Amino acid sequence: MKNPTLFFVGYVIALLVSISGAIIKILHLFDGSTVTALGMFFTLSFIFIGIFEVINNRRIQRAEKTMWVLGFLFLFWLAGILYYNRCKAIKINR
């Protein structure tokens, strides 16, 4: 992973804004739709960052890249945590 800080910060921001938007929508507070849309924007940007990192990683085989891309598209929260921990563990063992 070239820039783990950008990946992790994108993950945390997307998570916090999405949860905040959901809570605001549940409580029927003002501008809940705006915060939810902003959360979706941050989530999509996090997904694109993750997919870009996976595609440009030279140590991952083609079949595993396909698995990670599908994981980011369908299970992005889980795939984000797993990919970040995997790359952090590889960097430690390096």
PDB file of N, CA and C in Angstrom:
ATOM      1  N   MET A   1       0.852  -1.163   0.000  1.00  0.00           N
ATOM      2  CA  MET A   1       0.000   0.000   0.000  1.00  0.00           C
ATOM      3  C   MET A   1       0.899   1.227   0.000  1.00  0.00           C
ATOM      4  N   LYS A   2       0.701   2.083  -0.950  1.00  0.00           N
ATOM      5  CA  LYS A   2       1.562   3.250  -1.095  1.00  0.00           C
ATOM      6  C   LYS A   2       1.281   4.312  -0.038  1.00  0.00           C
ATOM      7  N   ASN A   3       0.017   4.560   0.233  1.00  0.00           N
ATOM      8  CA  ASN A   3      -0.329   5.608   1.173  1.00  0.00           C
ATOM      9  C   ASN A   3      -1.383   5.094   2.155  1.00  0.00           C
ATOM     10  N   PRO A   4      -0.962   4.383   3.203  1.00  0.00           N
ATOM     11  CA  PRO A   4      -1.950   3.830   4.145  1.00  0.00           C
ATOM     12  C   PRO A   4      -2.686   4.901   4.932  1.00  0.00           C
ATOM     13  N   THR A   5      -2.071   6.066   5.114  1.00  0.00           N
ATOM     14  CA  THR A   5      -2.727   7.125   5.870  1.00  0.00           C
ATOM     15  C   THR A   5      -3.950   7.641   5.119  1.00  0.00           C
ATOM     16  N   LEU A   6      -3.839   7.873   3.828  1.00  0.00           N
ATOM     17  CA  LEU A   6      -4.974   8.327   3.023  1.00  0.00           C
ATOM     18  C   LEU A   6      -6.088   7.289   3.036  1.00  0.00           C
ATOM     19  N   PHE A   7      -5.730   6.034   2.908  1.00  0.00           N
ATOM     20  CA  PHE A   7      -6.705   4.955   2.919  1.00  0.00           C
ATOM     21  C   PHE A   7      -7.436   4.901   4.261  1.00  0.00           C
ATOM     22  N   PHE A   8      -6.689   4.958   5.368  1.00  0.00           N
ATOM     23  CA  PHE A   8      -7.283   4.876   6.700  1.00  0.00           C
ATOM     24  C   PHE A   8      -8.134   6.103   7.007  1.00  0.00           C
ATOM     25  N   VAL A   9      -7.653   7.288   6.668  1.00  0.00           N
ATOM     26  CA  VAL A   9      -8.417   8.522   6.915  1.00  0.00           C
ATOM     27  C   VAL A   9      -9.700   8.517   6.080  1.00  0.00           C
ATOM     28  N   GLY A  10      -9.612   8.083   4.840  1.00  0.00           N
ATOM     29  CA  GLY A  10     -10.808   7.981   4.000  1.00  0.00           C
ATOM     30  C   GLY A  10     -11.821   7.011   4.587  1.00  0.00           C
ATOM     31  N   TYR A  11     -11.332   5.907   5.124  1.00  0.00           N
ATOM     32  CA  TYR A  11     -12.208   4.912   5.749  1.00  0.00           C
ATOM     33  C   TYR A  11     -12.913   5.499   6.965  1.00  0.00           C
ATOM     34  N   VAL A  12     -12.164   6.165   7.839  1.00  0.00           N
ATOM     35  CA  VAL A  12     -12.737   6.716   9.068  1.00  0.00           C
ATOM     36  C   VAL A  12     -13.738   7.832   8.759  1.00  0.00           C
ATOM     37  N   ILE A  13     -13.400   8.715   7.835  1.00  0.00           N
ATOM     38  CA  ILE A  13     -14.309   9.808   7.480  1.00  0.00           C
ATOM     39  C   ILE A  13     -15.599   9.249   6.874  1.00  0.00           C
ATOM     40  N   ALA A  14     -15.480   8.292   5.976  1.00  0.00           N
ATOM     41  CA  ALA A  14     -16.671   7.701   5.363  1.00  0.00           C
ATOM     42  C   ALA A  14     -17.537   7.023   6.416  1.00  0.00           C
ATOM     43  N   LEU A  15     -16.916   6.332   7.342  1.00  0.00           N
ATOM     44  CA  LEU A  15     -17.663   5.652   8.389  1.00  0.00           C
ATOM     45  C   LEU A  15     -18.387   6.639   9.291  1.00  0.00           C
ATOM     46  N   LEU A  16     -17.678   7.668   9.752  1.00  0.00           N
ATOM     47  CA  LEU A  16     -18.278   8.636  10.674  1.00  0.00           C
ATOM     48  C   LEU A  16     -19.399   9.453  10.025  1.00  0.00           C
ATOM     49  N   VAL A  17     -19.176   9.902   8.813  1.00  0.00           N
ATOM     50  CA  VAL A  17     -20.201  10.711   8.141  1.00  0.00           C
ATOM     51  C   VAL A  17     -21.415   9.857   7.797  1.00  0.00           C
ATOM     52  N   SER A  18     -21.208   8.610   7.398  1.00  0.00           N
ATOM     53  CA  SER A  18     -22.338   7.738   7.071  1.00  0.00           C
ATOM     54  C   SER A  18     -23.167   7.418   8.314  1.00  0.00           C
ATOM     55  N   ILE A  19     -22.496   7.124   9.409  1.00  0.00           N
ATOM     56  CA  ILE A  19     -23.223   6.842  10.649  1.00  0.00           C
ATOM     57  C   ILE A  19     -23.937   8.093  11.144  1.00  0.00           C
ATOM     58  N   SER A  20     -23.273   9.233  11.077  1.00  0.00           N
ATOM     59  CA  SER A  20     -23.922  10.489  11.486  1.00  0.00           C
ATOM     60  C   SER A  20     -25.145  10.786  10.626  1.00  0.00           C
ATOM     61  N   GLY A  21     -25.028  10.583   9.334  1.00  0.00           N
ATOM     62  CA  GLY A  21     -26.162  10.806   8.440  1.00  0.00           C
ATOM     63  C   GLY A  21     -27.321   9.876   8.747  1.00  0.00           C
ATOM     64  N   ALA A  22     -27.013   8.621   9.055  1.00  0.00           N
ATOM     65  CA  ALA A  22     -28.076   7.670   9.392  1.00  0.00           C
ATOM     66  C   ALA A  22     -28.777   8.073  10.690  1.00  0.00           C
ATOM     67  N   ILE A  23     -28.004   8.490  11.678  1.00  0.00           N
ATOM     68  CA  ILE A  23     -28.600   8.908  12.950  1.00  0.00           C
ATOM     69  C   ILE A  23     -29.455  10.161  12.760  1.00  0.00           C
ATOM     70  N   ILE A  24     -28.958  11.117  11.991  1.00  0.00           N
ATOM     71  CA  ILE A  24     -29.727  12.338  11.741  1.00  0.00           C
ATOM     72  C   ILE A  24     -31.022  12.022  10.999  1.00  0.00           C
ATOM     73  N   LYS A  25     -30.956  11.095  10.032  1.00  0.00           N
ATOM     74  CA  LYS A  25     -32.176  10.699   9.312  1.00  0.00           C
ATOM     75  C   LYS A  25     -33.158   9.987  10.232  1.00  0.00           C
ATOM     76  N   ILE A  26     -32.658   9.119  11.118  1.00  0.00           N
ATOM     77  CA  ILE A  26     -33.536   8.398  12.035  1.00  0.00           C
ATOM     78  C   ILE A  26     -34.240   9.366  12.988  1.00  0.00           C
ATOM     79  N   LEU A  27     -33.512  10.383  13.448  1.00  0.00           N
ATOM     80  CA  LEU A  27     -34.077  11.359  14.367  1.00  0.00           C
ATOM     81  C   LEU A  27     -34.889  12.446  13.661  1.00  0.00           C
ATOM     82  N   HIS A  28     -34.943  12.401  12.349  1.00  0.00           N
ATOM     83  CA  HIS A  28     -35.685  13.367  11.530  1.00  0.00           C
ATOM     84  C   HIS A  28     -35.230  14.798  11.795  1.00  0.00           C
ATOM     85  N   LEU A  29     -33.941  14.973  11.922  1.00  0.00           N
ATOM     86  CA  LEU A  29     -33.394  16.310  12.128  1.00  0.00           C
ATOM     87  C   LEU A  29     -33.196  17.002  10.785  1.00  0.00           C
ATOM     88  N   PHE A  30     -32.896  18.281  10.857  1.00  0.00           N
ATOM     89  CA  PHE A  30     -32.742  19.115   9.675  1.00  0.00           C
ATOM     90  C   PHE A  30     -31.521  18.685   8.855  1.00  0.00           C
ATOM     91  N   ASP A  31     -31.642  18.657   7.545  1.00  0.00           N
ATOM     92  CA  ASP A  31     -30.580  18.331   6.586  1.00  0.00           C
ATOM     93  C   ASP A  31     -30.032  16.918   6.717  1.00  0.00           C
ATOM     94  N   GLY A  32     -30.864  15.986   7.096  1.00  0.00           N
ATOM     95  CA  GLY A  32     -30.442  14.590   7.178  1.00  0.00           C
ATOM     96  C   GLY A  32     -30.098  14.014   5.818  1.00  0.00           C
ATOM     97  N   SER A  33     -30.831  14.416   4.807  1.00  0.00           N
ATOM     98  CA  SER A  33     -30.571  13.919   3.450  1.00  0.00           C
ATOM     99  C   SER A  33     -29.235  14.424   2.921  1.00  0.00           C
ATOM    100  N   THR A  34     -28.878  15.641   3.274  1.00  0.00           N
ATOM    101  CA  THR A  34     -27.606  16.209   2.820  1.00  0.00           C
ATOM    102  C   THR A  34     -26.433  15.466   3.443  1.00  0.00           C
ATOM    103  N   VAL A  35     -26.528  15.201   4.734  1.00  0.00           N
ATOM    104  CA  VAL A  35     -25.435  14.484   5.412  1.00  0.00           C
ATOM    105  C   VAL A  35     -25.347  13.044   4.909  1.00  0.00           C
ATOM    106  N   THR A  36     -26.479  12.431   4.631  1.00  0.00           N
ATOM    107  CA  THR A  36     -26.474  11.074   4.089  1.00  0.00           C
ATOM    108  C   THR A  36     -25.846  11.050   2.695  1.00  0.00           C
ATOM    109  N   ALA A  37     -26.175  12.024   1.879  1.00  0.00           N
ATOM    110  CA  ALA A  37     -25.570  12.109   0.539  1.00  0.00           C
ATOM    111  C   ALA A  37     -24.069  12.369   0.637  1.00  0.00           C
ATOM    112  N   LEU A  38     -23.662  13.191   1.579  1.00  0.00           N
ATOM    113  CA  LEU A  38     -22.240  13.446   1.793  1.00  0.00           C
ATOM    114  C   LEU A  38     -21.529  12.169   2.252  1.00  0.00           C
ATOM    115  N   GLY A  39     -22.193  11.405   3.113  1.00  0.00           N
ATOM    116  CA  GLY A  39     -21.642  10.113   3.542  1.00  0.00           C
ATOM    117  C   GLY A  39     -21.479   9.153   2.385  1.00  0.00           C
ATOM    118  N   MET A  40     -22.441   9.159   1.476  1.00  0.00           N
ATOM    119  CA  MET A  40     -22.343   8.298   0.292  1.00  0.00           C
ATOM    120  C   MET A  40     -21.194   8.743  -0.604  1.00  0.00           C
ATOM    121  N   PHE A  41     -20.993  10.044  -0.740  1.00  0.00           N
ATOM    122  CA  PHE A  41     -19.872  10.555  -1.524  1.00  0.00           C
ATOM    123  C   PHE A  41     -18.539  10.104  -0.927  1.00  0.00           C
ATOM    124  N   PHE A  42     -18.383  10.237   0.393  1.00  0.00           N
ATOM    125  CA  PHE A  42     -17.141   9.813   1.043  1.00  0.00           C
ATOM    126  C   PHE A  42     -16.945   8.296   0.947  1.00  0.00           C
ATOM    127  N   THR A  43     -18.037   7.556   1.020  1.00  0.00           N
ATOM    128  CA  THR A  43     -17.937   6.105   0.887  1.00  0.00           C
ATOM    129  C   THR A  43     -17.494   5.719  -0.514  1.00  0.00           C
ATOM    130  N   LEU A  44     -18.063   6.356  -1.519  1.00  0.00           N
ATOM    131  CA  LEU A  44     -17.656   6.060  -2.897  1.00  0.00           C
ATOM    132  C   LEU A  44     -16.199   6.442  -3.143  1.00  0.00           C
ATOM    133  N   SER A  45     -15.760   7.562  -2.576  1.00  0.00           N
ATOM    134  CA  SER A  45     -14.360   7.948  -2.747  1.00  0.00           C
ATOM    135  C   SER A  45     -13.441   6.959  -2.046  1.00  0.00           C
ATOM    136  N   PHE A  46     -13.846   6.456  -0.881  1.00  0.00           N
ATOM    137  CA  PHE A  46     -13.060   5.434  -0.188  1.00  0.00           C
ATOM    138  C   PHE A  46     -12.986   4.152  -1.014  1.00  0.00           C
ATOM    139  N   ILE A  47     -14.098   3.762  -1.618  1.00  0.00           N
ATOM    140  CA  ILE A  47     -14.113   2.560  -2.452  1.00  0.00           C
ATOM    141  C   ILE A  47     -13.164   2.723  -3.644  1.00  0.00           C
ATOM    142  N   PHE A  48     -13.192   3.888  -4.289  1.00  0.00           N
ATOM    143  CA  PHE A  48     -12.297   4.119  -5.429  1.00  0.00           C
ATOM    144  C   PHE A  48     -10.831   4.126  -5.004  1.00  0.00           C
ATOM    145  N   ILE A  49     -10.528   4.696  -3.844  1.00  0.00           N
ATOM    146  CA  ILE A  49      -9.152   4.670  -3.333  1.00  0.00           C
ATOM    147  C   ILE A  49      -8.713   3.237  -3.099  1.00  0.00           C
ATOM    148  N   GLY A  50      -9.586   2.431  -2.491  1.00  0.00           N
ATOM    149  CA  GLY A  50      -9.258   1.028  -2.226  1.00  0.00           C
ATOM    150  C   GLY A  50      -9.045   0.230  -3.493  1.00  0.00           C
ATOM    151  N   ILE A  51      -9.934   0.393  -4.461  1.00  0.00           N
ATOM    152  CA  ILE A  51      -9.792  -0.335  -5.722  1.00  0.00           C
ATOM    153  C   ILE A  51      -8.531   0.109  -6.456  1.00  0.00           C
ATOM    154  N   PHE A  52      -8.234   1.398  -6.444  1.00  0.00           N
ATOM    155  CA  PHE A  52      -7.026   1.908  -7.083  1.00  0.00           C
ATOM    156  C   PHE A  52      -5.778   1.308  -6.424  1.00  0.00           C
ATOM    157  N   GLU A  53      -5.779   1.223  -5.085  1.00  0.00           N
ATOM    158  CA  GLU A  53      -4.639   0.630  -4.371  1.00  0.00           C
ATOM    159  C   GLU A  53      -4.462  -0.842  -4.743  1.00  0.00           C
ATOM    160  N   VAL A  54      -5.567  -1.578  -4.822  1.00  0.00           N
ATOM    161  CA  VAL A  54      -5.491  -3.012  -5.137  1.00  0.00           C
ATOM    162  C   VAL A  54      -4.997  -3.221  -6.558  1.00  0.00           C
ATOM    163  N   ILE A  55      -5.525  -2.474  -7.501  1.00  0.00           N
ATOM    164  CA  ILE A  55      -5.145  -2.668  -8.904  1.00  0.00           C
ATOM    165  C   ILE A  55      -3.676  -2.338  -9.123  1.00  0.00           C
ATOM    166  N   ASN A  56      -3.156  -1.322  -8.437  1.00  0.00           N
ATOM    167  CA  ASN A  56      -1.763  -0.923  -8.638  1.00  0.00           C
ATOM    168  C   ASN A  56      -0.764  -1.680  -7.775  1.00  0.00           C
ATOM    169  N   ASN A  57      -1.230  -2.567  -6.909  1.00  0.00           N
ATOM    170  CA  ASN A  57      -0.334  -3.345  -6.063  1.00  0.00           C
ATOM    171  C   ASN A  57       0.263  -4.488  -6.884  1.00  0.00           C
ATOM    172  N   ARG A  58       1.573  -4.541  -6.945  1.00  0.00           N
ATOM    173  CA  ARG A  58       2.254  -5.544  -7.781  1.00  0.00           C
ATOM    174  C   ARG A  58       2.444  -6.877  -7.070  1.00  0.00           C
ATOM    175  N   ARG A  59       2.281  -6.909  -5.747  1.00  0.00           N
ATOM    176  CA  ARG A  59       2.486  -8.142  -4.997  1.00  0.00           C
ATOM    177  C   ARG A  59       1.249  -9.018  -4.933  1.00  0.00           C
ATOM    178  N   ILE A  60       0.118  -8.525  -5.408  1.00  0.00           N
ATOM    179  CA  ILE A  60      -1.131  -9.288  -5.363  1.00  0.00           C
ATOM    180  C   ILE A  60      -1.358  -9.951  -6.716  1.00  0.00           C
ATOM    181  N   GLN A  61      -1.703 -11.236  -6.680  1.00  0.00           N
ATOM    182  CA  GLN A  61      -1.983 -11.985  -7.906  1.00  0.00           C
ATOM    183  C   GLN A  61      -3.312 -11.530  -8.510  1.00  0.00           C
ATOM    184  N   ARG A  62      -3.518 -11.871  -9.760  1.00  0.00           N
ATOM    185  CA  ARG A  62      -4.708 -11.415 -10.493  1.00  0.00           C
ATOM    186  C   ARG A  62      -6.012 -11.915  -9.867  1.00  0.00           C
ATOM    187  N   ALA A  63      -6.061 -13.180  -9.461  1.00  0.00           N
ATOM    188  CA  ALA A  63      -7.280 -13.733  -8.861  1.00  0.00           C
ATOM    189  C   ALA A  63      -7.587 -13.051  -7.528  1.00  0.00           C
ATOM    190  N   GLU A  64      -6.552 -12.757  -6.761  1.00  0.00           N
ATOM    191  CA  GLU A  64      -6.751 -12.080  -5.488  1.00  0.00           C
ATOM    192  C   GLU A  64      -7.189 -10.616  -5.706  1.00  0.00           C
ATOM    193  N   LYS A  65      -6.675  -9.993  -6.760  1.00  0.00           N
ATOM    194  CA  LYS A  65      -7.119  -8.635  -7.090  1.00  0.00           C
ATOM    195  C   LYS A  65      -8.611  -8.619  -7.396  1.00  0.00           C
ATOM    196  N   THR A  66      -9.061  -9.610  -8.143  1.00  0.00           N
ATOM    197  CA  THR A  66     -10.490  -9.712  -8.456  1.00  0.00           C
ATOM    198  C   THR A  66     -11.304  -9.855  -7.180  1.00  0.00           C
ATOM    199  N   MET A  67     -10.816 -10.683  -6.255  1.00  0.00           N
ATOM    200  CA  MET A  67     -11.513 -10.875  -4.990  1.00  0.00           C
ATOM    201  C   MET A  67     -11.596  -9.566  -4.205  1.00  0.00           C
ATOM    202  N   TRP A  68     -10.488  -8.822  -4.137  1.00  0.00           N
ATOM    203  CA  TRP A  68     -10.484  -7.566  -3.393  1.00  0.00           C
ATOM    204  C   TRP A  68     -11.386  -6.523  -4.034  1.00  0.00           C
ATOM    205  N   VAL A  69     -11.374  -6.437  -5.366  1.00  0.00           N
ATOM    206  CA  VAL A  69     -12.237  -5.470  -6.050  1.00  0.00           C
ATOM    207  C   VAL A  69     -13.702  -5.790  -5.791  1.00  0.00           C
ATOM    208  N   LEU A  70     -14.085  -7.055  -5.890  1.00  0.00           N
ATOM    209  CA  LEU A  70     -15.467  -7.432  -5.592  1.00  0.00           C
ATOM    210  C   LEU A  70     -15.802  -7.178  -4.130  1.00  0.00           C
ATOM    211  N   GLY A  71     -14.846  -7.410  -3.248  1.00  0.00           N
ATOM    212  CA  GLY A  71     -15.062  -7.113  -1.831  1.00  0.00           C
ATOM    213  C   GLY A  71     -15.301  -5.641  -1.592  1.00  0.00           C
ATOM    214  N   PHE A  72     -14.517  -4.788  -2.240  1.00  0.00           N
ATOM    215  CA  PHE A  72     -14.713  -3.343  -2.086  1.00  0.00           C
ATOM    216  C   PHE A  72     -16.043  -2.887  -2.679  1.00  0.00           C
ATOM    217  N   LEU A  73     -16.496  -3.519  -3.735  1.00  0.00           N
ATOM    218  CA  LEU A  73     -17.758  -3.110  -4.350  1.00  0.00           C
ATOM    219  C   LEU A  73     -18.979  -3.546  -3.541  1.00  0.00           C
ATOM    220  N   PHE A  74     -18.931  -4.727  -2.932  1.00  0.00           N
ATOM    221  CA  PHE A  74     -20.113  -5.263  -2.271  1.00  0.00           C
ATOM    222  C   PHE A  74     -20.037  -5.251  -0.745  1.00  0.00           C
ATOM    223  N   LEU A  75     -18.867  -5.427  -0.174  1.00  0.00           N
ATOM    224  CA  LEU A  75     -18.701  -5.444   1.285  1.00  0.00           C
ATOM    225  C   LEU A  75     -17.607  -4.462   1.674  1.00  0.00           C
ATOM    226  N   PHE A  76     -17.780  -3.200   1.302  1.00  0.00           N
ATOM    227  CA  PHE A  76     -16.696  -2.222   1.398  1.00  0.00           C
ATOM    228  C   PHE A  76     -16.214  -1.992   2.819  1.00  0.00           C
ATOM    229  N   TRP A  77     -17.085  -2.018   3.831  1.00  0.00           N
ATOM    230  CA  TRP A  77     -16.618  -1.779   5.210  1.00  0.00           C
ATOM    231  C   TRP A  77     -15.726  -2.922   5.673  1.00  0.00           C
ATOM    232  N   LEU A  78     -16.144  -4.152   5.423  1.00  0.00           N
ATOM    233  CA  LEU A  78     -15.357  -5.308   5.825  1.00  0.00           C
ATOM    234  C   LEU A  78     -14.075  -5.412   5.002  1.00  0.00           C
ATOM    235  N   ALA A  79     -14.165  -5.209   3.715  1.00  0.00           N
ATOM    236  CA  ALA A  79     -12.988  -5.280   2.851  1.00  0.00           C
ATOM    237  C   ALA A  79     -11.976  -4.203   3.213  1.00  0.00           C
ATOM    238  N   GLY A  80     -12.437  -3.024   3.589  1.00  0.00           N
ATOM    239  CA  GLY A  80     -11.534  -1.944   3.982  1.00  0.00           C
ATOM    240  C   GLY A  80     -10.721  -2.300   5.214  1.00  0.00           C
ATOM    241  N   ILE A  81     -11.386  -2.853   6.225  1.00  0.00           N
ATOM    242  CA  ILE A  81     -10.683  -3.249   7.446  1.00  0.00           C
ATOM    243  C   ILE A  81      -9.692  -4.365   7.146  1.00  0.00           C
ATOM    244  N   LEU A  82     -10.129  -5.378   6.414  1.00  0.00           N
ATOM    245  CA  LEU A  82      -9.261  -6.524   6.130  1.00  0.00           C
ATOM    246  C   LEU A  82      -8.059  -6.127   5.274  1.00  0.00           C
ATOM    247  N   TYR A  83      -8.274  -5.306   4.261  1.00  0.00           N
ATOM    248  CA  TYR A  83      -7.176  -4.907   3.389  1.00  0.00           C
ATOM    249  C   TYR A  83      -6.163  -4.040   4.133  1.00  0.00           C
ATOM    250  N   TYR A  84      -6.649  -3.115   4.968  1.00  0.00           N
ATOM    251  CA  TYR A  84      -5.749  -2.263   5.738  1.00  0.00           C
ATOM    252  C   TYR A  84      -4.910  -3.099   6.709  1.00  0.00           C
ATOM    253  N   ASN A  85      -5.543  -4.033   7.405  1.00  0.00           N
ATOM    254  CA  ASN A  85      -4.801  -4.896   8.338  1.00  0.00           C
ATOM    255  C   ASN A  85      -3.821  -5.802   7.606  1.00  0.00           C
ATOM    256  N   ARG A  86      -4.200  -6.290   6.434  1.00  0.00           N
ATOM    257  CA  ARG A  86      -3.311  -7.157   5.652  1.00  0.00           C
ATOM    258  C   ARG A  86      -2.065  -6.397   5.217  1.00  0.00           C
ATOM    259  N   CYS A  87      -2.262  -5.192   4.710  1.00  0.00           N
ATOM    260  CA  CYS A  87      -1.121  -4.401   4.236  1.00  0.00           C
ATOM    261  C   CYS A  87      -0.257  -3.930   5.394  1.00  0.00           C
ATOM    262  N   LYS A  88      -0.859  -3.651   6.530  1.00  0.00           N
ATOM    263  CA  LYS A  88      -0.090  -3.258   7.703  1.00  0.00           C
ATOM    264  C   LYS A  88       0.750  -4.428   8.201  1.00  0.00           C
ATOM    265  N   ALA A  89       0.189  -5.644   8.180  1.00  0.00           N
ATOM    266  CA  ALA A  89       0.927  -6.827   8.620  1.00  0.00           C
ATOM    267  C   ALA A  89       2.068  -7.149   7.663  1.00  0.00           C
ATOM    268  N   ILE A  90       1.858  -6.967   6.376  1.00  0.00           N
ATOM    269  CA  ILE A  90       2.918  -7.214   5.393  1.00  0.00           C
ATOM    270  C   ILE A  90       4.058  -6.218   5.607  1.00  0.00           C
ATOM    271  N   LYS A  91       3.728  -4.969   5.898  1.00  0.00           N
ATOM    272  CA  LYS A  91       4.752  -3.953   6.117  1.00  0.00           C
ATOM    273  C   LYS A  91       5.573  -4.247   7.377  1.00  0.00           C
ATOM    274  N   ILE A  92       4.923  -4.769   8.421  1.00  0.00           N
ATOM    275  CA  ILE A  92       5.615  -5.117   9.662  1.00  0.00           C
ATOM    276  C   ILE A  92       6.552  -6.285   9.443  1.00  0.00           C
ATOM    277  N   ASN A  93       6.094  -7.305   8.688  1.00  0.00           N
ATOM    278  CA  ASN A  93       6.900  -8.499   8.452  1.00  0.00           C
ATOM    279  C   ASN A  93       7.998  -8.280   7.424  1.00  0.00           C
ATOM    280  N   ARG A  94       7.981  -7.200   6.735  1.00  0.00           N
ATOM    281  CA  ARG A  94       8.919  -6.913   5.657  1.00  0.00           C
ATOM    282  C   ARG A  94      10.280  -6.637   6.117  1.00  0.00           C
TER     283      ARG A  94
END
